[in-house]
Amino acid sequence: MPDFTVTVEARVDEAVRLRQQLKDSVPGAEKVTMTDMLMRACALALRKFPEVNTSWVEGRFQRKRDINIGLAVPPSKGLGLLVPVVHDVDHKDLIQISIESRQVIERARSGRPGEHDLSGGTFSISNLGMYGVDEFVAIINPPESAILAVGAIKDVPVIEDGRVVPGKVMRMTLTVDHRVFYGQTAAQFMAEVKRLIENPVALVVPAG
């Protein structure tokens, strides 16, 4: 598979702040994670750039209407790498995404996945940030055409209005099947994900 990668660095101060506000004030939001927020951001970006939500199957393009996001999770009980899937992510709010992602991961790790828990993915996310990994390249899960690799949130000095201030940054790398779409689309998609995670109020707007 001919592939390529695109990496961006995002300021996530507002996302971290919003996540804490949700935990403190919204019932059911106590376990919302950064991965949940990224799932919502990616779902909205996939709506805007449907070329990314396309599969390569037997030499043909298959553009998917549904936005089903797989989550690469560490092996458990000798099961190997698992990619449980949350279906129709673009039609779910953050709390629904958080609840369903925990449920499908728990079922998959227990060896008792539901009928659709490990199938139907159209895009995947792999987050190794919790292990202190700054940046990495993830391998595409066929027949999907892209996967997002997410690194750790780091406290670093940043320039803001000409001043050096403390900031929180996170690096994200998109691996792309070059047969399906090209660099410009990948760059535009990543710019949209970056915009959404840096301005996360859009992530809590009710799902449509």
N, C-alpha and C. Protein backbone atom coordinates (compact mmCIF):
# COMPACT_ATOMS: atom_id res chain seq x y z
N MET A 1 0.85 -1.20 0.00
CA MET A 1 0.00 0.00 0.00
C MET A 1 0.88 1.25 0.00
N PRO A 2 0.79 2.12 -1.01
CA PRO A 2 1.53 3.38 -0.98
C PRO A 2 0.88 4.32 0.04
N ASP A 3 1.66 4.76 1.02
CA ASP A 3 1.08 5.64 2.04
C ASP A 3 1.99 6.83 2.30
N PHE A 4 1.47 7.80 3.03
CA PHE A 4 2.25 8.96 3.46
C PHE A 4 1.66 9.47 4.76
N THR A 5 2.38 10.37 5.41
CA THR A 5 1.92 10.89 6.70
C THR A 5 1.91 12.41 6.71
N VAL A 6 1.02 12.95 7.53
CA VAL A 6 0.91 14.39 7.75
C VAL A 6 0.84 14.61 9.26
N THR A 7 1.70 15.48 9.78
CA THR A 7 1.74 15.74 11.23
C THR A 7 1.42 17.19 11.52
N VAL A 8 0.60 17.42 12.55
CA VAL A 8 0.33 18.77 13.03
C VAL A 8 0.52 18.79 14.55
N GLU A 9 0.77 19.98 15.05
CA GLU A 9 0.86 20.20 16.50
C GLU A 9 -0.27 21.13 16.90
N ALA A 10 -1.05 20.73 17.89
CA ALA A 10 -2.22 21.51 18.30
C ALA A 10 -2.04 22.01 19.73
N ARG A 11 -2.50 23.23 19.97
CA ARG A 11 -2.63 23.75 21.34
C ARG A 11 -3.90 23.17 21.94
N VAL A 12 -3.79 22.51 23.07
CA VAL A 12 -4.97 21.85 23.65
C VAL A 12 -5.33 22.40 25.02
N ASP A 13 -4.86 23.60 25.33
CA ASP A 13 -5.20 24.21 26.62
C ASP A 13 -6.71 24.29 26.81
N GLU A 14 -7.41 24.76 25.78
CA GLU A 14 -8.86 24.92 25.89
C GLU A 14 -9.56 23.57 25.99
N ALA A 15 -9.07 22.57 25.27
CA ALA A 15 -9.68 21.24 25.33
C ALA A 15 -9.52 20.64 26.72
N VAL A 16 -8.34 20.80 27.32
CA VAL A 16 -8.11 20.29 28.68
C VAL A 16 -9.01 21.01 29.67
N ARG A 17 -9.13 22.33 29.50
CA ARG A 17 -9.98 23.12 30.40
C ARG A 17 -11.45 22.72 30.25
N LEU A 18 -11.90 22.55 29.01
CA LEU A 18 -13.29 22.17 28.78
C LEU A 18 -13.58 20.79 29.34
N ARG A 19 -12.66 19.88 29.16
CA ARG A 19 -12.85 18.52 29.69
C ARG A 19 -13.04 18.57 31.20
N GLN A 20 -12.24 19.39 31.89
CA GLN A 20 -12.38 19.49 33.35
C GLN A 20 -13.71 20.14 33.72
N GLN A 21 -14.13 21.15 32.98
CA GLN A 21 -15.42 21.80 33.24
C GLN A 21 -16.57 20.81 33.07
N LEU A 22 -16.50 19.99 32.04
CA LEU A 22 -17.54 18.98 31.83
C LEU A 22 -17.57 17.99 32.98
N LYS A 23 -16.41 17.54 33.41
CA LYS A 23 -16.34 16.59 34.52
C LYS A 23 -16.94 17.17 35.79
N ASP A 24 -16.71 18.46 36.01
CA ASP A 24 -17.15 19.10 37.24
C ASP A 24 -18.63 19.46 37.24
N SER A 25 -19.22 19.64 36.06
CA SER A 25 -20.56 20.23 36.03
C SER A 25 -21.62 19.47 35.25
N VAL A 26 -21.24 18.50 34.43
CA VAL A 26 -22.22 17.82 33.58
C VAL A 26 -22.36 16.36 34.02
N PRO A 27 -23.54 15.96 34.47
CA PRO A 27 -23.74 14.56 34.86
C PRO A 27 -23.44 13.61 33.70
N GLY A 28 -22.68 12.57 33.98
CA GLY A 28 -22.34 11.60 32.95
C GLY A 28 -21.06 11.91 32.21
N ALA A 29 -20.48 13.11 32.44
CA ALA A 29 -19.28 13.50 31.70
C ALA A 29 -17.99 13.25 32.47
N GLU A 30 -18.10 12.57 33.62
CA GLU A 30 -16.94 12.39 34.48
C GLU A 30 -15.81 11.62 33.80
N LYS A 31 -16.14 10.76 32.85
CA LYS A 31 -15.13 9.91 32.24
C LYS A 31 -14.83 10.28 30.78
N VAL A 32 -15.24 11.46 30.36
CA VAL A 32 -14.90 11.92 29.01
C VAL A 32 -13.38 12.07 28.91
N THR A 33 -12.79 11.50 27.88
CA THR A 33 -11.35 11.54 27.68
C THR A 33 -10.98 12.41 26.48
N MET A 34 -9.69 12.68 26.36
CA MET A 34 -9.22 13.41 25.18
C MET A 34 -9.49 12.60 23.91
N THR A 35 -9.39 11.27 24.00
CA THR A 35 -9.69 10.44 22.83
C THR A 35 -11.15 10.60 22.41
N ASP A 36 -12.06 10.68 23.39
CA ASP A 36 -13.47 10.91 23.06
C ASP A 36 -13.64 12.24 22.32
N MET A 37 -12.94 13.27 22.79
CA MET A 37 -13.03 14.58 22.14
C MET A 37 -12.46 14.52 20.73
N LEU A 38 -11.38 13.76 20.56
CA LEU A 38 -10.80 13.61 19.22
C LEU A 38 -11.71 12.82 18.30
N MET A 39 -12.42 11.84 18.85
CA MET A 39 -13.38 11.10 18.02
C MET A 39 -14.45 12.03 17.49
N ARG A 40 -14.96 12.90 18.35
CA ARG A 40 -15.98 13.86 17.92
C ARG A 40 -15.40 14.83 16.88
N ALA A 41 -14.17 15.31 17.12
CA ALA A 41 -13.53 16.23 16.18
C ALA A 41 -13.31 15.55 14.82
N CYS A 42 -12.84 14.30 14.85
CA CYS A 42 -12.61 13.58 13.59
C CYS A 42 -13.91 13.31 12.85
N ALA A 43 -14.97 12.99 13.59
CA ALA A 43 -16.27 12.74 12.94
C ALA A 43 -16.76 13.98 12.22
N LEU A 44 -16.62 15.14 12.86
CA LEU A 44 -17.04 16.39 12.21
C LEU A 44 -16.16 16.70 11.00
N ALA A 45 -14.85 16.44 11.13
CA ALA A 45 -13.95 16.67 10.00
C ALA A 45 -14.23 15.69 8.85
N LEU A 46 -14.59 14.46 9.17
CA LEU A 46 -14.93 13.48 8.13
C LEU A 46 -16.19 13.88 7.38
N ARG A 47 -17.12 14.51 8.07
CA ARG A 47 -18.31 15.05 7.38
C ARG A 47 -17.89 16.09 6.35
N LYS A 48 -16.93 16.92 6.73
CA LYS A 48 -16.50 18.01 5.86
C LYS A 48 -15.62 17.50 4.72
N PHE A 49 -14.86 16.44 4.97
CA PHE A 49 -13.96 15.88 3.96
C PHE A 49 -14.27 14.39 3.79
N PRO A 50 -15.37 14.08 3.11
CA PRO A 50 -15.80 12.67 2.98
C PRO A 50 -14.82 11.80 2.21
N GLU A 51 -13.89 12.42 1.47
CA GLU A 51 -12.89 11.61 0.76
C GLU A 51 -12.07 10.77 1.75
N VAL A 52 -11.90 11.29 2.97
CA VAL A 52 -11.12 10.57 3.98
C VAL A 52 -11.89 9.37 4.50
N ASN A 53 -13.21 9.43 4.40
CA ASN A 53 -14.08 8.35 4.88
C ASN A 53 -14.37 7.36 3.74
N THR A 54 -13.31 7.00 3.05
CA THR A 54 -13.42 6.14 1.87
C THR A 54 -12.53 4.92 2.03
N SER A 55 -12.98 3.78 1.55
CA SER A 55 -12.20 2.54 1.62
C SER A 55 -11.72 2.14 0.23
N TRP A 56 -10.65 1.34 0.22
CA TRP A 56 -10.13 0.76 -1.02
C TRP A 56 -10.38 -0.75 -0.95
N VAL A 57 -11.33 -1.21 -1.74
CA VAL A 57 -11.73 -2.62 -1.69
C VAL A 57 -11.65 -3.23 -3.08
N GLU A 58 -10.80 -4.23 -3.24
CA GLU A 58 -10.66 -4.95 -4.51
C GLU A 58 -10.45 -3.99 -5.69
N GLY A 59 -9.55 -3.02 -5.47
CA GLY A 59 -9.19 -2.10 -6.53
C GLY A 59 -10.19 -1.01 -6.83
N ARG A 60 -11.17 -0.83 -5.94
CA ARG A 60 -12.20 0.19 -6.18
C ARG A 60 -12.39 1.05 -4.93
N PHE A 61 -12.78 2.31 -5.17
CA PHE A 61 -13.12 3.21 -4.07
C PHE A 61 -14.51 2.90 -3.56
N GLN A 62 -14.69 2.93 -2.25
CA GLN A 62 -16.01 2.81 -1.64
C GLN A 62 -16.15 3.93 -0.61
N ARG A 63 -16.86 4.99 -0.99
CA ARG A 63 -17.08 6.09 -0.05
C ARG A 63 -18.20 5.70 0.91
N LYS A 64 -17.94 5.84 2.20
CA LYS A 64 -18.87 5.39 3.22
C LYS A 64 -19.78 6.54 3.68
N ARG A 65 -21.07 6.23 3.81
CA ARG A 65 -22.00 7.22 4.35
C ARG A 65 -21.88 7.30 5.87
N ASP A 66 -21.74 6.14 6.51
CA ASP A 66 -21.62 6.12 7.96
C ASP A 66 -20.22 6.51 8.38
N ILE A 67 -20.11 7.12 9.56
CA ILE A 67 -18.82 7.46 10.13
C ILE A 67 -18.64 6.61 11.38
N ASN A 68 -17.86 5.54 11.22
CA ASN A 68 -17.64 4.57 12.29
C ASN A 68 -16.16 4.57 12.64
N ILE A 69 -15.83 4.93 13.86
CA ILE A 69 -14.44 5.14 14.24
C ILE A 69 -13.93 4.01 15.13
N GLY A 70 -12.83 3.38 14.67
CA GLY A 70 -12.18 2.33 15.43
C GLY A 70 -11.14 2.90 16.38
N LEU A 71 -10.96 2.24 17.51
CA LEU A 71 -10.00 2.66 18.53
C LEU A 71 -9.00 1.54 18.74
N ALA A 72 -7.75 1.78 18.34
CA ALA A 72 -6.72 0.76 18.55
C ALA A 72 -6.42 0.68 20.04
N VAL A 73 -6.57 -0.52 20.62
CA VAL A 73 -6.34 -0.70 22.05
C VAL A 73 -5.29 -1.79 22.25
N PRO A 74 -4.54 -1.71 23.37
CA PRO A 74 -3.46 -2.69 23.61
C PRO A 74 -4.00 -4.10 23.73
N PRO A 75 -3.15 -5.08 23.44
CA PRO A 75 -3.56 -6.47 23.55
C PRO A 75 -3.96 -6.82 24.98
N SER A 76 -4.87 -7.77 25.11
CA SER A 76 -5.33 -8.22 26.43
C SER A 76 -5.60 -9.72 26.37
N LYS A 77 -5.09 -10.45 27.36
CA LYS A 77 -5.35 -11.89 27.49
C LYS A 77 -4.99 -12.65 26.21
N GLY A 78 -3.88 -12.23 25.59
CA GLY A 78 -3.42 -12.95 24.41
C GLY A 78 -4.25 -12.76 23.17
N LEU A 79 -5.11 -11.72 23.16
CA LEU A 79 -6.01 -11.53 22.03
C LEU A 79 -5.36 -10.79 20.87
N GLY A 80 -4.19 -10.19 21.09
CA GLY A 80 -3.58 -9.39 20.05
C GLY A 80 -4.21 -8.00 19.98
N LEU A 81 -3.73 -7.19 19.04
CA LEU A 81 -4.25 -5.83 18.89
C LEU A 81 -5.73 -5.86 18.52
N LEU A 82 -6.51 -5.05 19.21
CA LEU A 82 -7.94 -4.97 18.96
C LEU A 82 -8.29 -3.57 18.45
N VAL A 83 -9.29 -3.49 17.58
CA VAL A 83 -9.77 -2.19 17.10
C VAL A 83 -11.30 -2.18 17.22
N PRO A 84 -11.82 -2.05 18.45
CA PRO A 84 -13.28 -1.94 18.60
C PRO A 84 -13.79 -0.66 17.96
N VAL A 85 -15.03 -0.71 17.48
CA VAL A 85 -15.58 0.36 16.65
C VAL A 85 -16.81 0.99 17.31
N VAL A 86 -16.83 2.33 17.33
CA VAL A 86 -18.03 3.07 17.72
C VAL A 86 -18.71 3.53 16.43
N HIS A 87 -19.96 3.16 16.26
CA HIS A 87 -20.67 3.42 15.01
C HIS A 87 -21.42 4.76 15.05
N ASP A 88 -21.53 5.39 13.88
CA ASP A 88 -22.31 6.63 13.71
C ASP A 88 -21.86 7.71 14.69
N VAL A 89 -20.56 7.92 14.78
CA VAL A 89 -20.01 8.86 15.76
C VAL A 89 -20.50 10.28 15.51
N ASP A 90 -20.71 10.64 14.26
CA ASP A 90 -21.13 12.01 13.95
C ASP A 90 -22.53 12.32 14.45
N HIS A 91 -23.29 11.29 14.80
CA HIS A 91 -24.65 11.50 15.32
C HIS A 91 -24.72 11.36 16.84
N LYS A 92 -23.56 11.33 17.49
CA LYS A 92 -23.52 11.16 18.94
C LYS A 92 -22.83 12.35 19.60
N ASP A 93 -23.29 12.71 20.81
CA ASP A 93 -22.62 13.77 21.54
C ASP A 93 -21.46 13.18 22.33
N LEU A 94 -20.71 14.06 23.01
CA LEU A 94 -19.50 13.62 23.70
C LEU A 94 -19.78 12.56 24.75
N ILE A 95 -20.85 12.73 25.51
CA ILE A 95 -21.15 11.77 26.57
C ILE A 95 -21.51 10.41 25.97
N GLN A 96 -22.30 10.40 24.91
CA GLN A 96 -22.63 9.14 24.24
C GLN A 96 -21.37 8.46 23.70
N ILE A 97 -20.50 9.26 23.08
CA ILE A 97 -19.25 8.71 22.55
C ILE A 97 -18.42 8.10 23.68
N SER A 98 -18.33 8.82 24.80
CA SER A 98 -17.54 8.35 25.93
C SER A 98 -18.08 7.03 26.47
N ILE A 99 -19.39 6.96 26.64
CA ILE A 99 -20.01 5.74 27.18
C ILE A 99 -19.81 4.57 26.22
N GLU A 100 -20.09 4.79 24.94
CA GLU A 100 -20.01 3.70 23.97
C GLU A 100 -18.58 3.23 23.74
N SER A 101 -17.63 4.17 23.74
CA SER A 101 -16.24 3.75 23.53
C SER A 101 -15.76 2.88 24.68
N ARG A 102 -16.12 3.24 25.92
CA ARG A 102 -15.74 2.41 27.06
C ARG A 102 -16.39 1.03 26.96
N GLN A 103 -17.65 1.00 26.56
CA GLN A 103 -18.37 -0.28 26.49
C GLN A 103 -17.77 -1.22 25.45
N VAL A 104 -17.50 -0.68 24.24
CA VAL A 104 -16.98 -1.58 23.19
C VAL A 104 -15.56 -2.05 23.52
N ILE A 105 -14.77 -1.17 24.16
CA ILE A 105 -13.42 -1.57 24.56
C ILE A 105 -13.48 -2.66 25.63
N GLU A 106 -14.34 -2.48 26.62
CA GLU A 106 -14.46 -3.48 27.69
C GLU A 106 -14.92 -4.83 27.14
N ARG A 107 -15.91 -4.80 26.23
CA ARG A 107 -16.39 -6.06 25.67
C ARG A 107 -15.30 -6.75 24.85
N ALA A 108 -14.57 -5.96 24.06
CA ALA A 108 -13.52 -6.55 23.23
C ALA A 108 -12.41 -7.14 24.08
N ARG A 109 -11.99 -6.43 25.12
CA ARG A 109 -10.91 -6.92 25.98
C ARG A 109 -11.32 -8.15 26.78
N SER A 110 -12.60 -8.24 27.08
CA SER A 110 -13.07 -9.39 27.86
C SER A 110 -13.22 -10.64 27.00
N GLY A 111 -13.06 -10.46 25.67
CA GLY A 111 -13.23 -11.59 24.77
C GLY A 111 -14.67 -11.86 24.40
N ARG A 112 -15.56 -10.90 24.73
CA ARG A 112 -16.98 -11.07 24.43
C ARG A 112 -17.51 -9.88 23.63
N PRO A 113 -16.92 -9.59 22.46
CA PRO A 113 -17.39 -8.45 21.67
C PRO A 113 -18.78 -8.67 21.12
N GLY A 114 -19.52 -7.56 20.95
CA GLY A 114 -20.82 -7.63 20.32
C GLY A 114 -20.68 -7.92 18.83
N GLU A 115 -21.82 -8.15 18.20
CA GLU A 115 -21.82 -8.57 16.79
C GLU A 115 -21.10 -7.59 15.89
N HIS A 116 -21.23 -6.28 16.16
CA HIS A 116 -20.65 -5.26 15.28
C HIS A 116 -19.48 -4.52 15.92
N ASP A 117 -19.02 -4.98 17.09
CA ASP A 117 -17.99 -4.24 17.82
C ASP A 117 -16.64 -4.18 17.11
N LEU A 118 -16.33 -5.18 16.31
CA LEU A 118 -15.01 -5.24 15.68
C LEU A 118 -15.09 -5.14 14.16
N SER A 119 -16.19 -4.60 13.65
CA SER A 119 -16.34 -4.51 12.19
C SER A 119 -17.01 -3.20 11.80
N GLY A 120 -16.88 -2.86 10.54
CA GLY A 120 -17.56 -1.69 10.00
C GLY A 120 -16.84 -0.38 10.16
N GLY A 121 -15.60 -0.41 10.66
CA GLY A 121 -14.87 0.84 10.84
C GLY A 121 -14.59 1.54 9.52
N THR A 122 -14.64 2.87 9.54
CA THR A 122 -14.31 3.66 8.34
C THR A 122 -13.10 4.56 8.56
N PHE A 123 -12.64 4.66 9.82
CA PHE A 123 -11.50 5.52 10.19
C PHE A 123 -11.07 5.04 11.57
N SER A 124 -9.78 5.18 11.89
CA SER A 124 -9.31 4.72 13.20
C SER A 124 -8.45 5.77 13.88
N ILE A 125 -8.38 5.65 15.22
CA ILE A 125 -7.54 6.49 16.06
C ILE A 125 -6.71 5.58 16.96
N SER A 126 -5.41 5.89 17.07
CA SER A 126 -4.53 5.20 18.01
C SER A 126 -3.88 6.26 18.90
N ASN A 127 -4.14 6.19 20.20
CA ASN A 127 -3.63 7.19 21.14
C ASN A 127 -2.65 6.51 22.09
N LEU A 128 -1.37 6.85 21.95
CA LEU A 128 -0.33 6.33 22.84
C LEU A 128 0.17 7.42 23.78
N GLY A 129 -0.54 8.53 23.84
CA GLY A 129 -0.12 9.63 24.68
C GLY A 129 -0.01 9.27 26.15
N MET A 130 -0.91 8.38 26.62
CA MET A 130 -0.88 8.01 28.03
C MET A 130 0.37 7.23 28.42
N TYR A 131 1.13 6.78 27.41
CA TYR A 131 2.39 6.08 27.67
C TYR A 131 3.60 7.00 27.52
N GLY A 132 3.35 8.29 27.36
CA GLY A 132 4.44 9.25 27.25
C GLY A 132 5.05 9.37 25.87
N VAL A 133 4.40 8.77 24.87
CA VAL A 133 4.90 8.85 23.49
C VAL A 133 4.56 10.21 22.90
N ASP A 134 5.56 10.92 22.43
CA ASP A 134 5.33 12.26 21.88
C ASP A 134 4.71 12.22 20.49
N GLU A 135 5.18 11.29 19.67
CA GLU A 135 4.76 11.26 18.26
C GLU A 135 5.07 9.88 17.70
N PHE A 136 4.19 9.36 16.85
CA PHE A 136 4.45 8.07 16.22
C PHE A 136 3.62 7.96 14.95
N VAL A 137 3.88 6.93 14.18
CA VAL A 137 3.15 6.66 12.95
C VAL A 137 2.38 5.36 13.12
N ALA A 138 1.07 5.42 12.95
CA ALA A 138 0.23 4.23 13.09
C ALA A 138 0.03 3.57 11.73
N ILE A 139 -0.25 2.28 11.76
CA ILE A 139 -0.46 1.50 10.53
C ILE A 139 -1.95 1.44 10.21
N ILE A 140 -2.28 1.72 8.97
CA ILE A 140 -3.68 1.74 8.52
C ILE A 140 -4.31 0.36 8.71
N ASN A 141 -5.56 0.37 9.13
CA ASN A 141 -6.34 -0.85 9.34
C ASN A 141 -7.22 -1.08 8.10
N PRO A 142 -6.77 -1.89 7.13
CA PRO A 142 -7.55 -2.10 5.90
C PRO A 142 -8.95 -2.65 6.19
N PRO A 143 -9.94 -2.28 5.39
CA PRO A 143 -9.85 -1.52 4.13
C PRO A 143 -9.94 0.00 4.32
N GLU A 144 -9.81 0.47 5.58
CA GLU A 144 -9.85 1.91 5.80
C GLU A 144 -8.70 2.58 5.06
N SER A 145 -8.80 3.89 4.88
CA SER A 145 -7.77 4.60 4.12
C SER A 145 -6.95 5.55 4.98
N ALA A 146 -7.25 5.64 6.29
CA ALA A 146 -6.50 6.56 7.13
C ALA A 146 -6.61 6.17 8.59
N ILE A 147 -5.58 6.54 9.36
CA ILE A 147 -5.59 6.35 10.81
C ILE A 147 -4.86 7.53 11.44
N LEU A 148 -5.37 8.00 12.57
CA LEU A 148 -4.78 9.14 13.28
C LEU A 148 -4.01 8.63 14.49
N ALA A 149 -2.73 8.97 14.58
CA ALA A 149 -1.88 8.63 15.72
C ALA A 149 -1.76 9.86 16.61
N VAL A 150 -2.03 9.68 17.91
CA VAL A 150 -2.10 10.80 18.85
C VAL A 150 -1.03 10.64 19.93
N GLY A 151 -0.24 11.68 20.12
CA GLY A 151 0.82 11.66 21.12
C GLY A 151 0.41 12.30 22.43
N ALA A 152 1.38 12.40 23.33
CA ALA A 152 1.12 12.91 24.68
C ALA A 152 0.90 14.42 24.67
N ILE A 153 0.14 14.89 25.64
CA ILE A 153 -0.01 16.32 25.89
C ILE A 153 1.21 16.78 26.68
N LYS A 154 1.92 17.77 26.14
CA LYS A 154 3.17 18.23 26.76
C LYS A 154 3.03 19.69 27.19
N ASP A 155 3.59 20.00 28.35
CA ASP A 155 3.66 21.39 28.82
C ASP A 155 4.94 22.00 28.27
N VAL A 156 4.78 23.03 27.43
CA VAL A 156 5.94 23.64 26.77
C VAL A 156 5.76 25.16 26.74
N PRO A 157 6.85 25.92 26.59
CA PRO A 157 6.72 27.36 26.38
C PRO A 157 6.25 27.63 24.95
N VAL A 158 5.29 28.54 24.80
CA VAL A 158 4.79 28.90 23.48
C VAL A 158 4.75 30.42 23.36
N ILE A 159 4.77 30.90 22.12
CA ILE A 159 4.70 32.33 21.86
C ILE A 159 3.24 32.72 21.69
N GLU A 160 2.78 33.69 22.47
CA GLU A 160 1.39 34.15 22.39
C GLU A 160 1.38 35.67 22.50
N ASP A 161 0.94 36.33 21.43
CA ASP A 161 0.94 37.81 21.40
C ASP A 161 2.32 38.38 21.71
N GLY A 162 3.35 37.73 21.17
CA GLY A 162 4.71 38.23 21.35
C GLY A 162 5.34 37.90 22.69
N ARG A 163 4.63 37.14 23.53
CA ARG A 163 5.16 36.78 24.85
C ARG A 163 5.31 35.27 24.96
N VAL A 164 6.28 34.85 25.76
CA VAL A 164 6.45 33.43 26.03
C VAL A 164 5.57 33.06 27.22
N VAL A 165 4.67 32.11 27.00
CA VAL A 165 3.74 31.68 28.05
C VAL A 165 3.72 30.15 28.09
N PRO A 166 3.30 29.58 29.23
CA PRO A 166 3.17 28.12 29.28
C PRO A 166 1.98 27.65 28.44
N GLY A 167 2.15 26.56 27.74
CA GLY A 167 1.06 26.04 26.92
C GLY A 167 1.07 24.52 26.89
N LYS A 168 -0.05 23.96 26.51
CA LYS A 168 -0.17 22.51 26.38
C LYS A 168 -0.30 22.18 24.89
N VAL A 169 0.57 21.32 24.40
CA VAL A 169 0.55 20.97 22.98
C VAL A 169 0.48 19.45 22.81
N MET A 170 -0.04 19.04 21.68
CA MET A 170 -0.18 17.62 21.36
C MET A 170 0.07 17.44 19.87
N ARG A 171 0.84 16.42 19.53
CA ARG A 171 1.14 16.16 18.12
C ARG A 171 0.27 15.01 17.62
N MET A 172 -0.23 15.18 16.40
CA MET A 172 -1.09 14.18 15.77
C MET A 172 -0.57 13.90 14.37
N THR A 173 -0.50 12.62 14.01
CA THR A 173 0.00 12.22 12.70
C THR A 173 -1.04 11.36 11.99
N LEU A 174 -1.40 11.78 10.79
CA LEU A 174 -2.35 11.03 9.97
C LEU A 174 -1.58 10.19 8.95
N THR A 175 -1.82 8.88 8.95
CA THR A 175 -1.29 8.00 7.91
C THR A 175 -2.39 7.77 6.88
N VAL A 176 -2.04 7.92 5.61
CA VAL A 176 -3.02 7.95 4.52
C VAL A 176 -2.67 6.92 3.45
N ASP A 177 -3.67 6.24 2.93
CA ASP A 177 -3.53 5.39 1.75
C ASP A 177 -3.53 6.31 0.53
N HIS A 178 -2.37 6.42 -0.13
CA HIS A 178 -2.21 7.38 -1.21
C HIS A 178 -3.04 7.02 -2.44
N ARG A 179 -3.54 5.80 -2.51
CA ARG A 179 -4.39 5.43 -3.64
C ARG A 179 -5.76 6.09 -3.55
N VAL A 180 -6.15 6.47 -2.33
CA VAL A 180 -7.52 6.93 -2.09
C VAL A 180 -7.63 8.45 -2.12
N PHE A 181 -6.70 9.14 -1.49
CA PHE A 181 -6.71 10.60 -1.57
C PHE A 181 -5.29 11.13 -1.40
N TYR A 182 -5.13 12.44 -1.61
CA TYR A 182 -3.80 13.02 -1.77
C TYR A 182 -3.47 14.01 -0.66
N GLY A 183 -2.27 14.57 -0.78
CA GLY A 183 -1.73 15.41 0.28
C GLY A 183 -2.57 16.61 0.64
N GLN A 184 -3.15 17.27 -0.35
CA GLN A 184 -3.95 18.46 -0.06
C GLN A 184 -5.15 18.12 0.82
N THR A 185 -5.85 17.03 0.49
CA THR A 185 -7.00 16.63 1.29
C THR A 185 -6.57 16.25 2.69
N ALA A 186 -5.47 15.52 2.82
CA ALA A 186 -4.96 15.13 4.14
C ALA A 186 -4.62 16.37 4.97
N ALA A 187 -3.97 17.35 4.34
CA ALA A 187 -3.61 18.57 5.05
C ALA A 187 -4.85 19.35 5.48
N GLN A 188 -5.85 19.43 4.62
CA GLN A 188 -7.08 20.14 4.96
C GLN A 188 -7.83 19.43 6.09
N PHE A 189 -7.87 18.11 6.03
CA PHE A 189 -8.52 17.34 7.09
C PHE A 189 -7.83 17.57 8.43
N MET A 190 -6.51 17.51 8.44
CA MET A 190 -5.78 17.70 9.69
C MET A 190 -5.92 19.13 10.21
N ALA A 191 -5.97 20.10 9.30
CA ALA A 191 -6.19 21.48 9.72
C ALA A 191 -7.55 21.63 10.40
N GLU A 192 -8.56 20.91 9.90
CA GLU A 192 -9.89 20.97 10.51
C GLU A 192 -9.91 20.29 11.87
N VAL A 193 -9.27 19.14 11.99
CA VAL A 193 -9.18 18.47 13.30
C VAL A 193 -8.46 19.38 14.30
N LYS A 194 -7.37 19.99 13.88
CA LYS A 194 -6.62 20.91 14.73
C LYS A 194 -7.50 22.09 15.14
N ARG A 195 -8.23 22.65 14.20
CA ARG A 195 -9.10 23.79 14.52
C ARG A 195 -10.15 23.40 15.56
N LEU A 196 -10.74 22.24 15.39
CA LEU A 196 -11.80 21.81 16.30
C LEU A 196 -11.27 21.51 17.70
N ILE A 197 -10.11 20.88 17.80
CA ILE A 197 -9.59 20.54 19.12
C ILE A 197 -9.02 21.78 19.81
N GLU A 198 -8.61 22.77 19.04
CA GLU A 198 -8.13 24.02 19.64
C GLU A 198 -9.28 24.95 20.01
N ASN A 199 -10.43 24.76 19.40
CA ASN A 199 -11.63 25.56 19.69
C ASN A 199 -12.77 24.59 20.00
N PRO A 200 -12.70 23.91 21.16
CA PRO A 200 -13.52 22.72 21.39
C PRO A 200 -14.98 22.97 21.72
N VAL A 201 -15.41 24.22 21.78
CA VAL A 201 -16.83 24.48 22.05
C VAL A 201 -17.70 23.78 21.01
N ALA A 202 -17.22 23.72 19.76
CA ALA A 202 -17.98 23.05 18.69
C ALA A 202 -18.21 21.58 18.98
N LEU A 203 -17.37 21.00 19.82
CA LEU A 203 -17.48 19.57 20.12
C LEU A 203 -18.63 19.26 21.08
N VAL A 204 -19.11 20.27 21.78
CA VAL A 204 -20.21 20.03 22.73
C VAL A 204 -21.55 20.49 22.18
N VAL A 205 -21.56 21.01 20.96
CA VAL A 205 -22.83 21.33 20.31
C VAL A 205 -23.58 20.03 20.09
N PRO A 206 -24.89 19.98 20.38
CA PRO A 206 -25.65 18.73 20.23
C PRO A 206 -25.44 18.10 18.86
N ALA A 207 -25.29 16.78 18.84
CA ALA A 207 -25.06 16.06 17.59
C ALA A 207 -26.29 16.12 16.72
N GLY A 208 -26.06 16.21 15.39
CA GLY A 208 -27.17 16.26 14.45
C GLY A 208 -27.20 15.05 13.54
